[in-house]
Amino acid sequence: MTDMLDQNEIDSLLAAVEGGDVETEVDTGPSLVYSLRRGGITDAELEIRDYDFKRPERVSKDQMRALETLHDVFSRGFGASLSGFLRTIVEVKVADIEQMTFSEFTHSLPNPTCFNLLSCKPLDGSICLDLSPLIIYPIIDRLLGGSNAELFIPQRPLTAIELRLVNKIISRGMDALREAWQNIVEIKFNLEESESNPALVQIVPPNEVVVVVGFEMKMGGRAGTMSLCIPYNVIEPVVERLSNQTWEAYKKSVRNTQIRQRVAEHLEVARVPIRALLAETRLSIGDLKHLQAGDIITTEKPASAPLAMEIGGQRKFIGQLGQYRGNRAFKVTRKIQPKDRV
């Protein structure tokens, strides 16, 4: 039978090792890490990182970068939509993106807040869109005609009237999300529920992995955050579409859209010739030879008939010739149709 050390002997042995009374073997050679794919390699050749089994990374780095780029497109579209709706400049940009558990996400949010559940058909499950009170109350104040000069941020849930106003903001966010995701999968987002306490919402188990995209929102002198929580089981059926090949095609379409926008911006300041065509007729060479000052050239066009406007040599509009502030002017009536003979 093998002899076993009691606790006193174990403590004595550990004390002797720490005091240097017991010599220990030190291996000065390079340690090797053996792999079925790569064979024996040294520590210097291999990057070893800790793996947290409580927070497994189920989405690869490439897919995380693809999601970040995708939601960067969403942030620009959402910012442009809000700027037009609120009649002021609203900046929205991606601040960070990371994987965590759902409980960690809900515990990181303030209470009360503006926590919204969005269904995403045909995908199963729901995603969460959280708007910070620091930015949602200034937006509500703007919608009600305020100036946000000395706005107090109340620590209370949104009222029913405020929720109706916030729904208009969320509706524009869902439209921007749908446009951002349409090259990956056609998703129809719908607002299911709004809650002020995120701890009361359990769309997935607390230890389920979620992808959280953090946004920074600015409007005038006010700033706040927005968070989009996407459970992994929601995007799992389409996560492989975020591969390099598929994503390169998506980024190419995004670049083409950006190029078209830049070309359109340059074309907006380009000048094109515009003229109103009064009338047309034909004269013989003999009449042209005897044409003198004071002669009247008649046409077959009635004096009350509308005129055609040419833009770049192409007839585009129909209208009437008149006078405005002492200058000749053309009043556009309608677009020209193929059947018109003006």
Protein backbone atom coordinates (compact mmCIF):
# COMPACT_ATOMS: atom_id res chain seq x y z
CA MET A 1 0.00 0.00 0.00
CA THR A 2 1.36 3.44 -0.95
CA ASP A 3 2.32 5.70 1.95
CA MET A 4 0.26 8.92 2.10
CA LEU A 5 1.40 12.22 3.60
CA ASP A 6 -0.65 13.78 6.32
CA GLN A 7 -1.39 17.53 6.40
CA ASN A 8 1.55 18.36 8.71
CA GLU A 9 4.01 16.63 6.36
CA ILE A 10 2.54 18.43 3.35
CA ASP A 11 2.90 21.81 5.11
CA SER A 12 6.50 21.03 6.06
CA LEU A 13 7.37 20.01 2.50
CA LEU A 14 5.87 23.21 1.05
CA ALA A 15 7.74 25.33 3.60
CA ALA A 16 11.02 23.59 2.71
CA VAL A 17 10.48 24.21 -1.00
CA GLU A 18 9.71 27.89 -0.43
CA GLY A 19 12.74 28.27 1.86
CA GLY A 20 15.10 26.68 -0.66
CA ASP A 21 15.95 23.64 1.50
CA VAL A 22 14.66 21.30 -1.20
CA GLU A 23 16.14 21.45 -4.68
CA THR A 24 13.71 21.43 -7.59
CA GLU A 25 14.47 20.58 -11.18
CA VAL A 26 14.33 23.53 -13.57
CA ASP A 27 13.81 22.79 -17.24
CA THR A 28 15.70 25.48 -19.16
CA GLY A 29 14.81 24.10 -22.58
CA PRO A 30 12.02 25.55 -24.69
CA SER A 31 8.60 24.17 -23.87
CA LEU A 32 6.70 22.71 -26.77
CA VAL A 33 3.00 22.78 -27.50
CA TYR A 34 1.88 19.78 -29.53
CA SER A 35 -0.97 20.07 -31.99
CA LEU A 36 -2.47 17.52 -34.36
CA ARG A 37 -2.46 20.15 -37.11
CA ARG A 38 0.86 21.94 -36.52
CA GLY A 39 3.12 19.51 -34.66
CA GLY A 40 5.49 20.72 -31.93
CA ILE A 41 5.94 24.49 -31.77
CA THR A 42 7.47 26.73 -29.13
CA ASP A 43 5.64 29.21 -26.93
CA ALA A 44 7.26 32.08 -28.82
CA GLU A 45 5.68 30.87 -32.05
CA LEU A 46 2.19 30.48 -30.64
CA GLU A 47 -0.12 33.03 -29.07
CA ILE A 48 -1.89 31.46 -26.09
CA ARG A 49 -4.89 33.24 -24.64
CA ASP A 50 -7.17 32.46 -21.73
CA TYR A 51 -10.57 31.03 -22.62
CA ASP A 52 -13.52 31.88 -20.43
CA PHE A 53 -16.02 29.00 -20.53
CA LYS A 54 -18.65 31.25 -18.96
CA ARG A 55 -18.42 33.63 -21.96
CA PRO A 56 -17.77 31.53 -25.07
CA GLU A 57 -17.14 33.50 -28.26
CA ARG A 58 -19.59 31.92 -30.65
CA VAL A 59 -19.20 34.58 -33.34
CA SER A 60 -15.84 34.67 -35.11
CA LYS A 61 -13.73 37.81 -35.47
CA ASP A 62 -14.47 38.07 -39.18
CA GLN A 63 -18.19 37.85 -38.52
CA MET A 64 -17.90 40.45 -35.75
CA ARG A 65 -16.13 42.82 -38.15
CA ALA A 66 -18.84 42.17 -40.73
CA LEU A 67 -21.54 42.97 -38.16
CA GLU A 68 -19.71 46.16 -37.19
CA THR A 69 -19.55 47.33 -40.81
CA LEU A 70 -23.18 46.38 -41.38
CA HIS A 71 -24.36 48.41 -38.39
CA ASP A 72 -22.10 51.28 -39.39
CA VAL A 73 -24.27 51.49 -42.51
CA PHE A 74 -27.33 51.37 -40.24
CA SER A 75 -26.01 54.21 -38.06
CA ARG A 76 -25.51 56.52 -41.04
CA GLY A 77 -28.96 55.78 -42.43
CA PHE A 78 -30.61 56.19 -39.01
CA GLY A 79 -28.78 59.47 -38.39
CA ALA A 80 -29.87 60.87 -41.76
CA SER A 81 -33.48 59.82 -41.14
CA LEU A 82 -33.55 61.41 -37.67
CA SER A 83 -31.93 64.61 -38.98
CA GLY A 84 -34.71 65.03 -41.53
CA PHE A 85 -37.44 64.16 -39.03
CA LEU A 86 -36.21 66.42 -36.22
CA ARG A 87 -35.06 69.27 -38.52
CA THR A 88 -31.65 69.28 -36.87
CA ILE A 89 -28.36 67.43 -37.27
CA VAL A 90 -28.30 64.08 -35.43
CA GLU A 91 -25.06 62.08 -35.47
CA VAL A 92 -25.17 58.33 -34.91
CA LYS A 93 -22.02 56.20 -35.05
CA VAL A 94 -20.86 52.78 -33.85
CA ALA A 95 -18.88 53.05 -30.61
CA ASP A 96 -18.11 49.37 -29.90
CA ILE A 97 -19.26 45.82 -30.52
CA GLU A 98 -18.67 42.83 -28.25
CA GLN A 99 -20.00 39.48 -27.12
CA MET A 100 -21.34 38.96 -23.62
CA THR A 101 -24.08 37.12 -21.77
CA PHE A 102 -27.60 38.49 -21.71
CA SER A 103 -27.47 39.02 -17.94
CA GLU A 104 -24.30 41.11 -18.27
CA PHE A 105 -26.04 43.25 -20.89
CA THR A 106 -29.17 43.90 -18.81
CA HIS A 107 -27.12 44.66 -15.68
CA SER A 108 -25.11 47.27 -17.60
CA LEU A 109 -28.24 49.32 -18.44
CA PRO A 110 -29.70 52.06 -16.24
CA ASN A 111 -33.10 51.77 -14.60
CA PRO A 112 -35.36 53.32 -15.75
CA THR A 113 -34.48 53.35 -19.44
CA CYS A 114 -36.19 53.00 -22.82
CA PHE A 115 -35.92 49.25 -23.50
CA ASN A 116 -37.67 47.97 -26.63
CA LEU A 117 -38.20 44.45 -27.98
CA LEU A 118 -38.23 44.05 -31.76
CA SER A 119 -39.40 40.95 -33.58
CA CYS A 120 -37.42 40.10 -36.70
CA LYS A 121 -39.38 37.83 -39.01
CA PRO A 122 -38.56 35.38 -40.59
CA LEU A 123 -35.85 34.88 -37.92
CA ASP A 124 -36.95 33.34 -34.63
CA GLY A 125 -36.79 35.33 -31.42
CA SER A 126 -36.43 39.03 -30.71
CA ILE A 127 -33.68 41.63 -30.47
CA CYS A 128 -33.42 44.53 -28.01
CA LEU A 129 -33.00 48.22 -28.78
CA ASP A 130 -32.17 50.39 -25.78
CA LEU A 131 -32.19 54.20 -25.90
CA SER A 132 -30.51 56.09 -23.09
CA PRO A 133 -32.64 58.67 -21.19
CA LEU A 134 -29.79 61.14 -21.76
CA ILE A 135 -30.68 61.33 -25.48
CA ILE A 136 -34.31 60.20 -25.63
CA TYR A 137 -35.63 63.04 -23.44
CA PRO A 138 -33.88 65.75 -25.53
CA ILE A 139 -35.40 64.15 -28.66
CA ILE A 140 -38.86 64.22 -27.06
CA ASP A 141 -38.30 67.84 -26.04
CA ARG A 142 -37.33 68.67 -29.62
CA LEU A 143 -40.49 67.02 -30.96
CA LEU A 144 -42.59 69.10 -28.55
CA GLY A 145 -40.97 72.36 -29.64
CA GLY A 146 -38.38 72.77 -26.88
CA SER A 147 -34.84 74.09 -27.23
CA ASN A 148 -32.97 71.60 -24.94
CA ALA A 149 -31.22 74.61 -23.40
CA GLU A 150 -31.72 73.69 -19.73
CA LEU A 151 -33.52 70.38 -20.02
CA PHE A 152 -33.78 68.30 -16.84
CA ILE A 153 -33.48 64.53 -17.33
CA PRO A 154 -36.14 62.95 -15.08
CA GLN A 155 -35.50 59.61 -13.38
CA ARG A 156 -38.84 58.02 -14.19
CA PRO A 157 -40.38 55.72 -16.83
CA LEU A 158 -41.71 57.27 -20.02
CA THR A 159 -45.36 58.33 -20.00
CA ALA A 160 -47.88 57.05 -22.54
CA ILE A 161 -47.62 60.27 -24.59
CA GLU A 162 -43.81 60.10 -24.55
CA LEU A 163 -43.92 56.46 -25.66
CA ARG A 164 -46.08 57.43 -28.65
CA LEU A 165 -43.42 59.95 -29.68
CA VAL A 166 -40.59 57.46 -29.11
CA ASN A 167 -42.37 54.94 -31.34
CA LYS A 168 -41.87 57.31 -34.26
CA ILE A 169 -38.12 57.31 -33.59
CA ILE A 170 -38.03 53.51 -33.27
CA SER A 171 -40.02 53.15 -36.50
CA ARG A 172 -37.30 55.03 -38.38
CA GLY A 173 -34.67 52.89 -36.67
CA MET A 174 -36.40 49.70 -37.82
CA ASP A 175 -36.52 51.01 -41.40
CA ALA A 176 -32.78 51.74 -41.30
CA LEU A 177 -32.10 48.29 -39.82
CA ARG A 178 -34.11 46.60 -42.56
CA GLU A 179 -32.16 48.45 -45.26
CA ALA A 180 -28.82 47.57 -43.61
CA TRP A 181 -29.69 43.85 -43.37
CA GLN A 182 -31.42 43.44 -46.74
CA ASN A 183 -28.27 42.21 -48.53
CA ILE A 184 -27.90 39.44 -45.92
CA VAL A 185 -31.54 38.53 -45.33
CA GLU A 186 -34.86 40.29 -45.79
CA ILE A 187 -36.09 41.04 -42.24
CA LYS A 188 -39.36 42.65 -41.22
CA PHE A 189 -38.87 44.35 -37.86
CA ASN A 190 -41.83 45.09 -35.62
CA LEU A 191 -42.02 46.73 -32.19
CA GLU A 192 -43.38 44.13 -29.77
CA GLU A 193 -43.02 45.74 -26.35
CA SER A 194 -41.44 48.67 -24.50
CA GLU A 195 -40.21 48.38 -20.93
CA SER A 196 -38.51 50.76 -18.48
CA ASN A 197 -36.83 48.09 -16.32
CA PRO A 198 -34.55 45.82 -18.42
CA ALA A 199 -34.34 43.27 -15.59
CA LEU A 200 -37.99 42.37 -16.19
CA VAL A 201 -37.33 41.26 -19.77
CA GLN A 202 -36.05 37.74 -20.42
CA ILE A 203 -35.99 36.97 -24.13
CA VAL A 204 -33.18 34.40 -23.71
CA PRO A 205 -31.61 32.60 -20.73
CA PRO A 206 -29.31 34.82 -18.62
CA ASN A 207 -26.16 32.94 -19.68
CA GLU A 208 -27.02 33.00 -23.42
CA VAL A 209 -24.41 34.69 -25.63
CA VAL A 210 -25.52 37.94 -27.27
CA VAL A 211 -23.82 40.41 -29.61
CA VAL A 212 -24.14 43.96 -28.30
CA VAL A 213 -23.56 46.87 -30.68
CA GLY A 214 -23.07 50.17 -28.88
CA PHE A 215 -23.85 53.47 -30.61
CA GLU A 216 -23.11 57.07 -29.72
CA MET A 217 -25.84 59.60 -30.52
CA LYS A 218 -25.37 63.38 -30.60
CA MET A 219 -27.96 66.10 -31.15
CA GLY A 220 -26.80 69.65 -30.64
CA GLY A 221 -25.17 69.86 -27.23
CA ARG A 222 -26.77 66.62 -26.03
CA ALA A 223 -25.26 63.15 -26.27
CA GLY A 224 -26.30 59.68 -25.22
CA THR A 225 -25.96 56.02 -26.07
CA MET A 226 -28.01 53.45 -27.91
CA SER A 227 -27.48 49.70 -27.63
CA LEU A 228 -28.62 46.94 -29.96
CA CYS A 229 -28.64 43.47 -28.39
CA ILE A 230 -28.76 40.55 -30.84
CA PRO A 231 -28.98 37.04 -29.29
CA TYR A 232 -26.82 34.51 -31.06
CA ASN A 233 -29.68 32.06 -31.55
CA VAL A 234 -31.53 34.75 -33.56
CA ILE A 235 -28.78 35.24 -36.16
CA GLU A 236 -27.43 31.67 -36.03
CA PRO A 237 -29.32 30.57 -39.20
CA VAL A 238 -27.73 33.40 -41.25
CA VAL A 239 -24.41 33.91 -39.46
CA GLU A 240 -22.55 31.93 -42.12
CA ARG A 241 -23.70 34.47 -44.71
CA LEU A 242 -21.35 36.91 -43.03
CA SER A 243 -18.43 34.92 -44.44
CA ASN A 244 -15.68 36.67 -46.36
CA GLN A 245 -17.02 35.91 -49.83
CA THR A 246 -20.59 36.99 -49.08
CA TRP A 247 -19.45 40.01 -47.14
CA GLU A 248 -17.11 41.17 -49.88
CA ALA A 249 -20.07 41.25 -52.26
CA TYR A 250 -22.05 43.21 -49.69
CA LYS A 251 -19.25 45.71 -49.11
CA LYS A 252 -18.93 46.13 -52.89
CA SER A 253 -22.61 47.06 -53.12
CA VAL A 254 -22.15 49.48 -50.21
CA ARG A 255 -19.16 51.07 -51.96
CA ASN A 256 -21.17 51.40 -55.16
CA THR A 257 -23.93 53.14 -53.21
CA GLN A 258 -21.41 55.51 -51.67
CA ILE A 259 -19.92 56.26 -55.09
CA ARG A 260 -23.37 57.03 -56.48
CA GLN A 261 -24.01 59.37 -53.55
CA ARG A 262 -20.75 61.23 -54.12
CA VAL A 263 -21.45 61.55 -57.85
CA ALA A 264 -24.96 62.83 -57.07
CA GLU A 265 -23.53 65.42 -54.67
CA HIS A 266 -21.19 66.75 -57.40
CA LEU A 267 -23.97 66.75 -59.98
CA GLU A 268 -26.21 68.82 -57.72
CA VAL A 269 -23.97 71.89 -58.17
CA ALA A 270 -23.52 71.37 -61.94
CA ARG A 271 -25.19 73.97 -64.18
CA VAL A 272 -27.32 72.91 -67.15
CA PRO A 273 -28.81 75.15 -69.86
CA ILE A 274 -32.57 75.75 -69.62
CA ARG A 275 -34.71 77.49 -72.24
CA ALA A 276 -38.39 77.94 -73.00
CA LEU A 277 -39.34 77.25 -76.61
CA LEU A 278 -41.74 79.99 -77.76
CA ALA A 279 -42.73 78.61 -81.19
CA GLU A 280 -41.38 77.00 -84.35
CA THR A 281 -42.11 77.55 -88.07
CA ARG A 282 -40.47 77.14 -91.47
CA LEU A 283 -39.43 79.85 -93.98
CA SER A 284 -38.22 79.57 -97.52
CA ILE A 285 -34.78 80.77 -98.50
CA GLY A 286 -36.41 83.55 -100.56
CA ASP A 287 -38.32 84.87 -97.54
CA LEU A 288 -35.15 84.80 -95.47
CA LYS A 289 -33.34 86.85 -98.12
CA HIS A 290 -35.97 89.61 -97.98
CA LEU A 291 -36.41 89.56 -94.19
CA GLN A 292 -36.15 93.07 -92.70
CA ALA A 293 -36.58 94.79 -89.36
CA GLY A 294 -40.25 95.22 -88.53
CA ASP A 295 -41.40 92.12 -90.39
CA ILE A 296 -43.74 89.81 -88.47
CA ILE A 297 -43.22 86.06 -88.59
CA THR A 298 -46.42 84.16 -87.87
CA THR A 299 -46.59 80.58 -86.63
CA GLU A 300 -49.28 77.93 -86.44
CA LYS A 301 -49.13 77.90 -82.63
CA PRO A 302 -52.03 79.66 -80.81
CA ALA A 303 -51.09 82.52 -78.46
CA SER A 304 -52.78 80.73 -75.51
CA ALA A 305 -51.03 77.41 -76.11
CA PRO A 306 -48.59 76.20 -73.42
CA LEU A 307 -44.84 76.27 -73.94
CA ALA A 308 -42.23 73.56 -73.55
CA MET A 309 -39.13 73.91 -71.36
CA GLU A 310 -35.93 72.28 -72.57
CA ILE A 311 -33.26 71.13 -70.11
CA GLY A 312 -29.98 70.20 -71.73
CA GLY A 313 -31.69 70.05 -75.11
CA GLN A 314 -34.41 67.67 -73.88
CA ARG A 315 -38.05 68.75 -73.42
CA LYS A 316 -38.99 68.08 -69.79
CA PHE A 317 -41.77 70.42 -68.61
CA ILE A 318 -44.84 72.27 -69.88
CA GLY A 319 -45.82 75.71 -68.60
CA GLN A 320 -46.69 79.34 -69.34
CA LEU A 321 -44.47 82.29 -70.18
CA GLY A 322 -44.92 85.37 -68.02
CA GLN A 323 -43.23 88.09 -65.99
CA TYR A 324 -41.91 88.04 -62.43
CA ARG A 325 -40.36 91.10 -60.78
CA GLY A 326 -39.65 92.72 -64.09
CA ASN A 327 -38.00 89.63 -65.63
CA ARG A 328 -39.23 87.08 -68.10
CA ALA A 329 -40.31 83.95 -66.20
CA PHE A 330 -41.59 80.47 -66.91
CA LYS A 331 -44.23 78.87 -64.70
CA VAL A 332 -44.02 75.07 -64.69
CA THR A 333 -47.43 73.41 -65.02
CA ARG A 334 -46.55 69.73 -65.27
CA LYS A 335 -44.05 67.23 -66.66
CA ILE A 336 -44.16 66.62 -70.36
CA GLN A 337 -45.69 63.34 -71.53
CA PRO A 338 -44.75 61.28 -74.61
CA LYS A 339 -48.14 62.01 -76.18
CA ASP A 340 -47.76 65.80 -75.89
CA ARG A 341 -47.17 67.73 -79.11
CA VAL A 342 -45.93 71.08 -77.84
